[in-house]
N, C-alpha and C. Protein backbone atom coordinates (compact mmCIF):
# COMPACT_ATOMS: atom_id res chain seq x y z
N MET A 1 -13.59 -13.88 -15.22
CA MET A 1 -14.27 -13.52 -14.16
C MET A 1 -13.58 -11.94 -13.77
N ASP A 2 -14.57 -11.22 -13.46
CA ASP A 2 -14.34 -9.88 -12.80
C ASP A 2 -14.04 -10.08 -11.46
N ARG A 3 -12.82 -9.41 -10.98
CA ARG A 3 -12.66 -9.63 -9.14
C ARG A 3 -12.01 -8.41 -9.42
N PRO A 4 -13.06 -6.88 -8.76
CA PRO A 4 -12.56 -5.79 -8.01
C PRO A 4 -12.14 -5.33 -7.46
N ASP A 5 -11.89 -6.80 -5.97
CA ASP A 5 -11.25 -6.87 -4.93
C ASP A 5 -9.39 -6.98 -5.64
N ILE A 6 -9.17 -7.49 -6.52
CA ILE A 6 -7.65 -7.41 -6.89
C ILE A 6 -7.29 -6.35 -7.94
N LYS A 7 -6.42 -5.58 -7.35
CA LYS A 7 -5.97 -4.68 -8.00
C LYS A 7 -5.28 -4.72 -9.17
N ARG A 8 -4.69 -3.72 -9.73
CA ARG A 8 -3.86 -3.94 -11.28
C ARG A 8 -2.48 -4.42 -11.56
N ALA A 9 -2.23 -3.86 -10.25
CA ALA A 9 -1.19 -4.36 -9.33
C ALA A 9 -0.69 -5.90 -9.46
N GLU A 10 -1.57 -6.46 -8.33
CA GLU A 10 -1.77 -7.61 -8.02
C GLU A 10 -2.04 -8.53 -9.06
N ARG A 11 -2.82 -8.14 -10.31
CA ARG A 11 -3.25 -8.73 -11.44
C ARG A 11 -2.24 -9.12 -12.56
N THR A 12 -1.26 -7.63 -12.41
CA THR A 12 0.01 -7.89 -13.35
C THR A 12 0.90 -8.79 -12.44
N ALA A 13 1.01 -9.01 -11.73
CA ALA A 13 2.06 -9.21 -10.61
C ALA A 13 2.13 -11.84 -10.88
N LEU A 14 0.34 -11.35 -10.90
CA LEU A 14 0.14 -12.70 -11.18
C LEU A 14 0.37 -13.20 -12.62
N ARG A 15 0.07 -12.31 -13.70
CA ARG A 15 0.15 -12.46 -14.90
C ARG A 15 1.72 -13.17 -14.90
N VAL A 16 2.54 -12.14 -14.50
CA VAL A 16 3.71 -12.17 -14.66
C VAL A 16 4.86 -13.74 -14.36
N GLN A 17 4.03 -13.77 -13.16
CA GLN A 17 4.56 -14.77 -12.41
C GLN A 17 3.86 -16.00 -13.34
N ALA A 18 2.87 -16.07 -13.64
CA ALA A 18 2.20 -17.20 -14.75
C ALA A 18 3.05 -17.33 -16.23
N ARG A 19 3.38 -16.57 -16.29
CA ARG A 19 4.21 -16.24 -17.23
C ARG A 19 6.15 -16.59 -17.24
N ALA A 20 6.82 -16.13 -16.11
CA ALA A 20 7.49 -16.94 -15.50
C ALA A 20 7.72 -18.47 -15.54
N LEU A 21 6.37 -18.97 -15.04
CA LEU A 21 6.39 -20.38 -14.76
C LEU A 21 6.16 -21.26 -16.21
N ASP A 22 5.42 -20.19 -17.08
CA ASP A 22 5.68 -21.35 -18.34
C ASP A 22 6.78 -21.37 -19.20
N VAL A 23 7.68 -20.12 -18.85
CA VAL A 23 8.70 -20.27 -19.37
C VAL A 23 9.91 -21.13 -18.63
N ALA A 24 9.44 -21.58 -17.69
CA ALA A 24 10.13 -22.42 -16.76
C ALA A 24 9.80 -23.81 -17.30
N GLU A 25 8.76 -24.35 -17.70
CA GLU A 25 7.97 -25.29 -18.24
C GLU A 25 8.64 -25.47 -19.74
N ALA A 26 8.79 -24.74 -20.37
CA ALA A 26 9.41 -24.72 -21.50
C ALA A 26 10.71 -24.60 -21.85
N MET A 27 11.48 -24.39 -20.49
CA MET A 27 13.00 -24.85 -20.66
C MET A 27 12.82 -25.81 -19.67
N ALA A 28 12.13 -26.48 -19.22
CA ALA A 28 12.22 -28.00 -18.76
C ALA A 28 13.26 -28.20 -17.41
N ASP A 29 13.00 -27.14 -16.81
CA ASP A 29 14.26 -26.71 -15.74
C ASP A 29 13.31 -26.95 -14.91
N PRO A 30 13.63 -28.44 -13.68
CA PRO A 30 12.75 -28.85 -12.75
C PRO A 30 12.54 -27.68 -11.54
N ASP A 31 14.03 -27.35 -11.37
CA ASP A 31 14.50 -26.46 -10.20
C ASP A 31 13.65 -24.88 -10.68
N LEU A 32 13.51 -24.75 -11.52
CA LEU A 32 12.77 -23.36 -11.82
C LEU A 32 11.19 -23.62 -11.97
N VAL A 33 10.61 -24.75 -12.91
CA VAL A 33 9.29 -25.08 -12.33
C VAL A 33 8.94 -24.83 -10.89
N THR A 34 9.70 -25.55 -10.32
CA THR A 34 9.58 -25.49 -8.95
C THR A 34 9.46 -24.13 -8.09
N ARG A 35 10.27 -23.41 -8.25
CA ARG A 35 10.55 -21.98 -7.32
C ARG A 35 9.44 -20.96 -8.61
N ALA A 36 9.31 -20.96 -9.51
CA ALA A 36 8.14 -20.38 -10.64
C ALA A 36 6.84 -20.41 -9.79
N ASN A 37 6.30 -22.26 -9.53
CA ASN A 37 5.54 -22.65 -9.03
C ASN A 37 5.34 -22.17 -7.87
N ASP A 38 6.09 -21.81 -6.83
CA ASP A 38 5.79 -21.52 -5.58
C ASP A 38 5.93 -20.38 -5.20
N GLY A 39 6.20 -19.41 -6.09
CA GLY A 39 5.65 -18.21 -6.49
C GLY A 39 4.37 -17.45 -6.75
N TYR A 40 4.42 -18.60 -7.87
CA TYR A 40 2.73 -18.03 -8.37
C TYR A 40 1.72 -18.45 -7.43
N LEU A 41 1.67 -19.86 -6.74
CA LEU A 41 0.69 -20.05 -5.51
C LEU A 41 0.89 -19.02 -4.68
N ARG A 42 1.97 -18.98 -4.48
CA ARG A 42 2.39 -17.61 -3.00
C ARG A 42 1.11 -16.45 -3.50
N LEU A 43 1.30 -15.80 -4.40
CA LEU A 43 0.59 -14.78 -5.15
C LEU A 43 -1.14 -15.11 -5.31
N ARG A 44 -1.28 -16.19 -5.74
CA ARG A 44 -2.94 -16.96 -5.58
C ARG A 44 -3.52 -17.02 -4.20
N ILE A 45 -2.63 -17.11 -3.18
CA ILE A 45 -2.79 -17.50 -1.88
C ILE A 45 -3.17 -15.79 -1.40
N GLY A 46 -2.19 -15.30 -1.69
CA GLY A 46 -2.10 -13.86 -1.18
C GLY A 46 -3.91 -12.99 -1.70
N ALA A 47 -3.47 -13.34 -3.09
CA ALA A 47 -4.72 -12.73 -3.64
C ALA A 47 -6.34 -13.49 -3.04
N GLY A 48 -6.27 -14.31 -2.38
CA GLY A 48 -7.58 -15.08 -2.26
C GLY A 48 -8.40 -16.25 -3.22
N LEU A 49 -7.19 -16.56 -3.96
CA LEU A 49 -7.53 -17.67 -4.80
C LEU A 49 -7.04 -18.95 -4.96
N THR A 50 -7.56 -18.95 -3.40
CA THR A 50 -7.50 -20.57 -3.35
C THR A 50 -8.16 -21.84 -3.83
N SER A 51 -8.07 -22.65 -4.22
CA SER A 51 -9.39 -23.42 -4.29
C SER A 51 -10.62 -23.30 -3.83
N GLY A 52 -11.76 -22.98 -4.11
CA GLY A 52 -12.91 -22.87 -3.51
C GLY A 52 -12.97 -21.41 -2.18
N GLY A 53 -11.99 -21.23 -2.38
CA GLY A 53 -11.28 -19.85 -1.46
C GLY A 53 -11.53 -20.47 0.16
N ALA A 54 -10.80 -21.79 0.10
CA ALA A 54 -10.68 -22.68 0.98
C ALA A 54 -9.14 -22.59 1.89
N LYS A 55 -9.12 -22.40 2.74
CA LYS A 55 -7.61 -22.14 3.46
C LYS A 55 -6.73 -23.34 3.20
N PRO A 56 -5.41 -23.19 2.25
CA PRO A 56 -5.03 -24.14 1.95
C PRO A 56 -4.39 -24.68 3.00
N VAL A 57 -4.05 -26.48 2.53
CA VAL A 57 -3.46 -27.67 3.63
C VAL A 57 -2.33 -27.85 4.18
N ASP A 58 -1.92 -27.81 5.01
CA ASP A 58 -0.49 -28.03 5.33
C ASP A 58 -0.58 -29.35 5.74
N ALA A 59 0.43 -29.94 4.62
CA ALA A 59 0.48 -31.25 5.19
C ALA A 59 1.06 -31.86 6.37
N PHE A 60 2.01 -31.20 7.20
CA PHE A 60 1.83 -31.80 8.17
C PHE A 60 0.84 -31.00 9.59
N ASP A 61 0.33 -30.05 9.19
CA ASP A 61 -0.57 -29.82 9.93
C ASP A 61 -2.14 -31.34 10.20
N GLU A 62 -2.03 -31.35 8.88
CA GLU A 62 -2.98 -32.53 8.44
C GLU A 62 -2.37 -33.69 9.09
N LEU A 63 -1.40 -33.80 8.76
CA LEU A 63 -0.16 -35.31 9.37
C LEU A 63 -0.50 -35.40 11.04
N LEU A 64 -0.67 -34.14 11.39
CA LEU A 64 -0.49 -33.83 13.62
C LEU A 64 -2.36 -34.44 13.61
N ALA A 65 -3.21 -33.82 12.69
CA ALA A 65 -4.25 -34.05 12.97
C ALA A 65 -4.85 -35.29 13.08
N ARG A 66 -4.34 -36.23 12.39
CA ARG A 66 -5.06 -37.63 12.25
C ARG A 66 -3.74 -38.09 13.25
N ILE A 67 -3.19 -38.22 13.86
CA ILE A 67 -2.00 -38.46 14.92
C ILE A 67 -3.21 -38.77 16.04
N ALA A 68 -3.52 -36.79 16.35
CA ALA A 68 -4.00 -36.48 17.71
C ALA A 68 -5.58 -37.22 17.37
N ALA A 69 -5.84 -37.55 16.50
CA ALA A 69 -7.67 -38.00 16.40
C ALA A 69 -7.73 -38.68 17.25
N PRO A 70 -9.18 -38.68 17.74
CA PRO A 70 -8.97 -40.10 18.79
C PRO A 70 -10.08 -41.50 17.45
N THR A 71 -9.22 -42.79 18.52
CA THR A 71 -9.90 -43.65 17.48
C THR A 71 -11.53 -43.92 18.37
N GLY A 72 -11.69 -44.84 17.41
CA GLY A 72 -13.05 -44.99 17.35
C GLY A 72 -12.99 -46.74 19.09
N ALA A 73 -14.38 -46.82 19.05
CA ALA A 73 -13.95 -48.26 19.98
C ALA A 73 -13.69 -49.21 19.57
N GLY A 74 -14.28 -49.55 18.08
CA GLY A 74 -13.60 -50.78 17.70
C GLY A 74 -12.54 -50.73 17.17
N ASP A 75 -11.92 -49.64 16.73
CA ASP A 75 -10.34 -49.84 16.18
C ASP A 75 -9.60 -50.28 17.10
N ARG A 76 -8.84 -50.83 16.35
CA ARG A 76 -7.47 -51.75 16.85
C ARG A 76 -6.31 -50.99 16.34
N GLN A 77 -5.57 -50.76 17.28
CA GLN A 77 -3.93 -50.39 17.30
C GLN A 77 -3.10 -51.22 17.03
N ASP A 78 -3.13 -52.12 17.49
CA ASP A 78 -2.20 -53.32 17.82
C ASP A 78 -1.90 -54.24 16.76
N GLY A 79 -2.54 -54.57 15.94
CA GLY A 79 -2.59 -55.29 15.01
C GLY A 79 -3.43 -55.29 13.84
């Protein structure tokens, strides 16, 4: 996929971070995998490479939206 909007340095950073994730997985170190994955996902988001170009969902924001959503007239909250 050709993405002229992603410059050479950014592509390099993505490749390097993806490699760091591969190495962490090969080492079977859950802490390193978590940190490498976080770094890689942050780079992807920064490059606009999130799934379908959609805004990433923050789990806490989603929970608050569910709590604040009005319930339907037929919904019962007490039982």
